[in-house]
Structure formats: structure tokens, C-alpha cells
Amino acid sequence: MKQNDDRTFPEITYVRGASGELVPVLRGTRLRVQTVVTAAQKWGFSPIQIATEYDLSEAQVNEVLAFYAAHSQEIDASIAAEQIIEAANV
């Protein structure tokens, strides 16, 4: 377990993203927490739909969403920053 990891969520770990900042991902994958959150919130996918789309178990999706609930401020800030970058590059 890495120093920044939240022991409450053993399936979530942090990796360095392309920008050099630490990004929470599903352990054993490169799937970012914010990707799952976007699928749930913006696209309206259910946990089962997300699991099917990303080849995950429903338990993995539920852990990612629970991690988001506990760390929403951090994840929302990351999503907002990415949207600003995307808008600037259009």
C-alpha cells in the first residue's frame, strides 16, 4: 500500500498521471476513479453498466463509487481542472 492510499478502500491506489500529479485508480488497472464517476454522473450509467463497459466486477465499481463519496472534493476538483484544459484545447 502506498503512502497516499486510503486504507478504507484497498482496491484504490494512486499513480502518477501524465501531468505528474497523483491520480486515484482502480488497483491493477489504469482506470481512473474520475472515469467511473463521469460514467455514473454524466452518462447516467448504473454500476452494472459501468462494470460491463470497463470489464469490472460490480463490487469494484461500487468500491470506486464509495471512494468517490469519501473523496468527492478531490475528484470533483480533478474533473473540473481537466474540463478547463479540454476547453482550452478546442
N, C-alpha and C. Protein backbone atom coordinates (compact mmCIF):
# COMPACT_ATOMS: atom_id res chain seq x y z
N MET A 1 0.85 -1.18 0.00
CA MET A 1 0.00 0.00 0.00
C MET A 1 0.90 1.24 0.00
N LYS A 2 0.56 2.18 -0.86
CA LYS A 2 1.34 3.41 -0.97
C LYS A 2 0.96 4.39 0.13
N GLN A 3 1.83 5.33 0.36
CA GLN A 3 1.65 6.31 1.43
C GLN A 3 0.34 7.08 1.31
N ASN A 4 -0.05 7.45 0.11
CA ASN A 4 -1.26 8.26 -0.07
C ASN A 4 -2.55 7.45 -0.09
N ASP A 5 -2.45 6.13 -0.14
CA ASP A 5 -3.63 5.29 -0.24
C ASP A 5 -4.50 5.41 1.02
N ASP A 6 -5.80 5.32 0.82
CA ASP A 6 -6.77 5.33 1.91
C ASP A 6 -7.04 3.86 2.27
N ARG A 7 -6.66 3.45 3.44
CA ARG A 7 -6.78 2.04 3.85
C ARG A 7 -8.23 1.55 3.87
N THR A 8 -9.17 2.47 3.91
CA THR A 8 -10.58 2.10 3.88
C THR A 8 -10.97 1.51 2.53
N PHE A 9 -10.21 1.86 1.49
CA PHE A 9 -10.52 1.44 0.12
C PHE A 9 -9.31 0.72 -0.48
N PRO A 10 -9.11 -0.55 -0.14
CA PRO A 10 -7.91 -1.27 -0.59
C PRO A 10 -7.81 -1.45 -2.10
N GLU A 11 -8.91 -1.33 -2.82
CA GLU A 11 -8.88 -1.51 -4.27
C GLU A 11 -8.51 -0.23 -5.03
N ILE A 12 -8.32 0.87 -4.30
CA ILE A 12 -7.95 2.13 -4.93
C ILE A 12 -6.52 2.48 -4.55
N THR A 13 -5.73 2.86 -5.55
CA THR A 13 -4.36 3.28 -5.30
C THR A 13 -4.08 4.53 -6.13
N TYR A 14 -3.02 5.21 -5.81
CA TYR A 14 -2.64 6.42 -6.54
C TYR A 14 -1.47 6.13 -7.45
N VAL A 15 -1.53 6.65 -8.68
CA VAL A 15 -0.43 6.57 -9.63
C VAL A 15 -0.16 7.97 -10.15
N ARG A 16 1.02 8.19 -10.68
CA ARG A 16 1.34 9.49 -11.28
C ARG A 16 0.69 9.58 -12.65
N GLY A 17 -0.09 10.63 -12.83
CA GLY A 17 -0.74 10.85 -14.12
C GLY A 17 0.22 11.52 -15.08
N ALA A 18 -0.25 11.76 -16.30
CA ALA A 18 0.57 12.37 -17.34
C ALA A 18 1.08 13.75 -16.92
N SER A 19 0.31 14.45 -16.12
CA SER A 19 0.71 15.80 -15.68
C SER A 19 1.65 15.75 -14.48
N GLY A 20 1.92 14.55 -13.97
CA GLY A 20 2.82 14.41 -12.83
C GLY A 20 2.12 14.39 -11.49
N GLU A 21 0.82 14.68 -11.49
CA GLU A 21 0.10 14.66 -10.21
C GLU A 21 -0.40 13.25 -9.91
N LEU A 22 -0.66 12.99 -8.63
CA LEU A 22 -1.16 11.69 -8.22
C LEU A 22 -2.64 11.58 -8.55
N VAL A 23 -3.01 10.45 -9.15
CA VAL A 23 -4.38 10.22 -9.60
C VAL A 23 -4.86 8.89 -9.02
N PRO A 24 -6.05 8.87 -8.41
CA PRO A 24 -6.58 7.60 -7.88
C PRO A 24 -7.09 6.71 -9.02
N VAL A 25 -6.68 5.45 -8.98
CA VAL A 25 -7.10 4.47 -9.98
C VAL A 25 -7.53 3.19 -9.27
N LEU A 26 -8.26 2.36 -10.01
CA LEU A 26 -8.62 1.04 -9.51
C LEU A 26 -7.37 0.18 -9.56
N ARG A 27 -7.00 -0.38 -8.42
CA ARG A 27 -5.77 -1.18 -8.31
C ARG A 27 -5.75 -2.28 -9.37
N GLY A 28 -4.59 -2.44 -10.01
CA GLY A 28 -4.43 -3.47 -11.03
C GLY A 28 -4.90 -3.03 -12.40
N THR A 29 -5.39 -1.81 -12.50
CA THR A 29 -5.83 -1.24 -13.78
C THR A 29 -5.25 0.17 -13.89
N ARG A 30 -5.46 0.78 -15.00
CA ARG A 30 -5.12 2.20 -15.15
C ARG A 30 -6.41 3.03 -15.20
N LEU A 31 -7.52 2.41 -14.78
CA LEU A 31 -8.82 3.07 -14.84
C LEU A 31 -8.93 4.09 -13.70
N ARG A 32 -9.05 5.35 -14.09
CA ARG A 32 -9.13 6.42 -13.10
C ARG A 32 -10.50 6.44 -12.42
N VAL A 33 -10.50 6.78 -11.15
CA VAL A 33 -11.75 6.93 -10.39
C VAL A 33 -12.66 7.92 -11.11
N GLN A 34 -12.09 9.02 -11.58
CA GLN A 34 -12.92 10.04 -12.20
C GLN A 34 -13.58 9.54 -13.49
N THR A 35 -13.01 8.56 -14.17
CA THR A 35 -13.64 7.98 -15.35
C THR A 35 -14.93 7.27 -14.97
N VAL A 36 -14.88 6.49 -13.89
CA VAL A 36 -16.07 5.78 -13.41
C VAL A 36 -17.12 6.78 -12.92
N VAL A 37 -16.69 7.81 -12.22
CA VAL A 37 -17.60 8.83 -11.71
C VAL A 37 -18.29 9.54 -12.88
N THR A 38 -17.54 9.87 -13.92
CA THR A 38 -18.11 10.52 -15.09
C THR A 38 -19.15 9.61 -15.75
N ALA A 39 -18.83 8.32 -15.86
CA ALA A 39 -19.79 7.36 -16.45
C ALA A 39 -21.09 7.33 -15.64
N ALA A 40 -20.96 7.40 -14.33
CA ALA A 40 -22.14 7.34 -13.47
C ALA A 40 -22.92 8.66 -13.50
N GLN A 41 -22.22 9.77 -13.37
CA GLN A 41 -22.90 11.05 -13.21
C GLN A 41 -23.30 11.69 -14.54
N LYS A 42 -22.36 11.77 -15.46
CA LYS A 42 -22.60 12.49 -16.71
C LYS A 42 -23.37 11.64 -17.71
N TRP A 43 -23.04 10.37 -17.79
CA TRP A 43 -23.67 9.48 -18.77
C TRP A 43 -24.83 8.69 -18.18
N GLY A 44 -25.00 8.73 -16.85
CA GLY A 44 -26.12 8.05 -16.21
C GLY A 44 -26.04 6.53 -16.19
N PHE A 45 -24.81 5.99 -16.29
CA PHE A 45 -24.64 4.53 -16.26
C PHE A 45 -24.88 4.00 -14.85
N SER A 46 -25.48 2.83 -14.76
CA SER A 46 -25.64 2.13 -13.48
C SER A 46 -24.33 1.40 -13.17
N PRO A 47 -24.13 0.98 -11.91
CA PRO A 47 -22.92 0.20 -11.60
C PRO A 47 -22.77 -1.04 -12.49
N ILE A 48 -23.87 -1.70 -12.82
CA ILE A 48 -23.79 -2.88 -13.69
C ILE A 48 -23.34 -2.48 -15.10
N GLN A 49 -23.88 -1.37 -15.61
CA GLN A 49 -23.48 -0.90 -16.95
C GLN A 49 -21.99 -0.51 -16.96
N ILE A 50 -21.53 0.14 -15.90
CA ILE A 50 -20.12 0.53 -15.82
C ILE A 50 -19.25 -0.71 -15.77
N ALA A 51 -19.66 -1.69 -14.96
CA ALA A 51 -18.90 -2.95 -14.85
C ALA A 51 -18.77 -3.61 -16.22
N THR A 52 -19.86 -3.65 -16.96
CA THR A 52 -19.85 -4.26 -18.29
C THR A 52 -18.97 -3.46 -19.25
N GLU A 53 -19.11 -2.15 -19.25
CA GLU A 53 -18.37 -1.28 -20.15
C GLU A 53 -16.85 -1.37 -19.95
N TYR A 54 -16.43 -1.47 -18.69
CA TYR A 54 -15.00 -1.44 -18.37
C TYR A 54 -14.44 -2.80 -17.94
N ASP A 55 -15.24 -3.86 -18.12
CA ASP A 55 -14.81 -5.22 -17.78
C ASP A 55 -14.38 -5.33 -16.32
N LEU A 56 -15.26 -4.88 -15.43
CA LEU A 56 -15.02 -4.90 -13.99
C LEU A 56 -16.11 -5.72 -13.32
N SER A 57 -15.90 -6.02 -12.04
CA SER A 57 -16.98 -6.61 -11.26
C SER A 57 -17.82 -5.47 -10.70
N GLU A 58 -19.06 -5.76 -10.37
CA GLU A 58 -19.91 -4.74 -9.78
C GLU A 58 -19.34 -4.29 -8.43
N ALA A 59 -18.70 -5.21 -7.71
CA ALA A 59 -18.07 -4.86 -6.43
C ALA A 59 -16.95 -3.83 -6.63
N GLN A 60 -16.17 -3.97 -7.70
CA GLN A 60 -15.12 -2.99 -7.99
C GLN A 60 -15.73 -1.62 -8.26
N VAL A 61 -16.77 -1.59 -9.06
CA VAL A 61 -17.43 -0.32 -9.37
C VAL A 61 -17.98 0.30 -8.10
N ASN A 62 -18.62 -0.50 -7.26
CA ASN A 62 -19.17 0.04 -6.01
C ASN A 62 -18.09 0.58 -5.10
N GLU A 63 -16.90 -0.05 -5.09
CA GLU A 63 -15.81 0.48 -4.26
C GLU A 63 -15.32 1.81 -4.81
N VAL A 64 -15.22 1.92 -6.13
CA VAL A 64 -14.81 3.19 -6.74
C VAL A 64 -15.81 4.28 -6.38
N LEU A 65 -17.09 3.98 -6.48
CA LEU A 65 -18.12 4.98 -6.16
C LEU A 65 -18.12 5.33 -4.67
N ALA A 66 -17.84 4.37 -3.81
CA ALA A 66 -17.74 4.64 -2.38
C ALA A 66 -16.51 5.51 -2.10
N PHE A 67 -15.41 5.23 -2.79
CA PHE A 67 -14.20 6.06 -2.66
C PHE A 67 -14.53 7.49 -3.07
N TYR A 68 -15.25 7.62 -4.18
CA TYR A 68 -15.65 8.96 -4.63
C TYR A 68 -16.48 9.67 -3.56
N ALA A 69 -17.42 8.96 -2.95
CA ALA A 69 -18.27 9.57 -1.92
C ALA A 69 -17.42 10.12 -0.77
N ALA A 70 -16.35 9.42 -0.45
CA ALA A 70 -15.47 9.84 0.65
C ALA A 70 -14.46 10.89 0.22
N HIS A 71 -14.19 10.98 -1.07
CA HIS A 71 -13.15 11.88 -1.59
C HIS A 71 -13.69 12.77 -2.71
N SER A 72 -14.97 13.12 -2.65
CA SER A 72 -15.61 13.83 -3.76
C SER A 72 -14.98 15.18 -4.05
N GLN A 73 -14.55 15.88 -3.03
CA GLN A 73 -13.96 17.21 -3.26
C GLN A 73 -12.70 17.08 -4.13
N GLU A 74 -11.85 16.12 -3.80
CA GLU A 74 -10.61 15.87 -4.55
C GLU A 74 -10.92 15.47 -6.00
N ILE A 75 -11.86 14.54 -6.18
CA ILE A 75 -12.18 14.03 -7.51
C ILE A 75 -12.87 15.12 -8.33
N ASP A 76 -13.81 15.84 -7.74
CA ASP A 76 -14.51 16.91 -8.45
C ASP A 76 -13.53 17.99 -8.91
N ALA A 77 -12.54 18.32 -8.09
CA ALA A 77 -11.53 19.32 -8.47
C ALA A 77 -10.72 18.81 -9.66
N SER A 78 -10.39 17.55 -9.66
CA SER A 78 -9.64 16.96 -10.76
C SER A 78 -10.45 16.96 -12.06
N ILE A 79 -11.73 16.63 -11.95
CA ILE A 79 -12.62 16.64 -13.13
C ILE A 79 -12.73 18.07 -13.67
N ALA A 80 -12.92 19.04 -12.78
CA ALA A 80 -13.06 20.44 -13.20
C ALA A 80 -11.78 20.93 -13.88
N ALA A 81 -10.62 20.59 -13.33
CA ALA A 81 -9.35 21.00 -13.92
C ALA A 81 -9.19 20.41 -15.32
N GLU A 82 -9.58 19.15 -15.47
CA GLU A 82 -9.47 18.50 -16.78
C GLU A 82 -10.41 19.15 -17.79
N GLN A 83 -11.60 19.53 -17.35
CA GLN A 83 -12.55 20.19 -18.25
C GLN A 83 -12.03 21.54 -18.73
N ILE A 84 -11.34 22.26 -17.86
CA ILE A 84 -10.75 23.54 -18.23
C ILE A 84 -9.68 23.33 -19.29
N ILE A 85 -8.84 22.32 -19.09
CA ILE A 85 -7.78 22.02 -20.06
C ILE A 85 -8.39 21.62 -21.40
N GLU A 86 -9.42 20.77 -21.37
CA GLU A 86 -10.08 20.33 -22.61
C GLU A 86 -10.70 21.53 -23.34
N ALA A 87 -11.35 22.43 -22.61
CA ALA A 87 -11.99 23.59 -23.22
C ALA A 87 -10.95 24.51 -23.88
N ALA A 88 -9.79 24.62 -23.27
CA ALA A 88 -8.73 25.47 -23.80
C ALA A 88 -8.12 24.88 -25.07
N ASN A 89 -8.26 23.58 -25.26
CA ASN A 89 -7.65 22.91 -26.41
C ASN A 89 -8.64 22.65 -27.55
N VAL A 90 -9.81 23.24 -27.46
CA VAL A 90 -10.83 23.02 -28.51
C VAL A 90 -10.61 23.97 -29.66
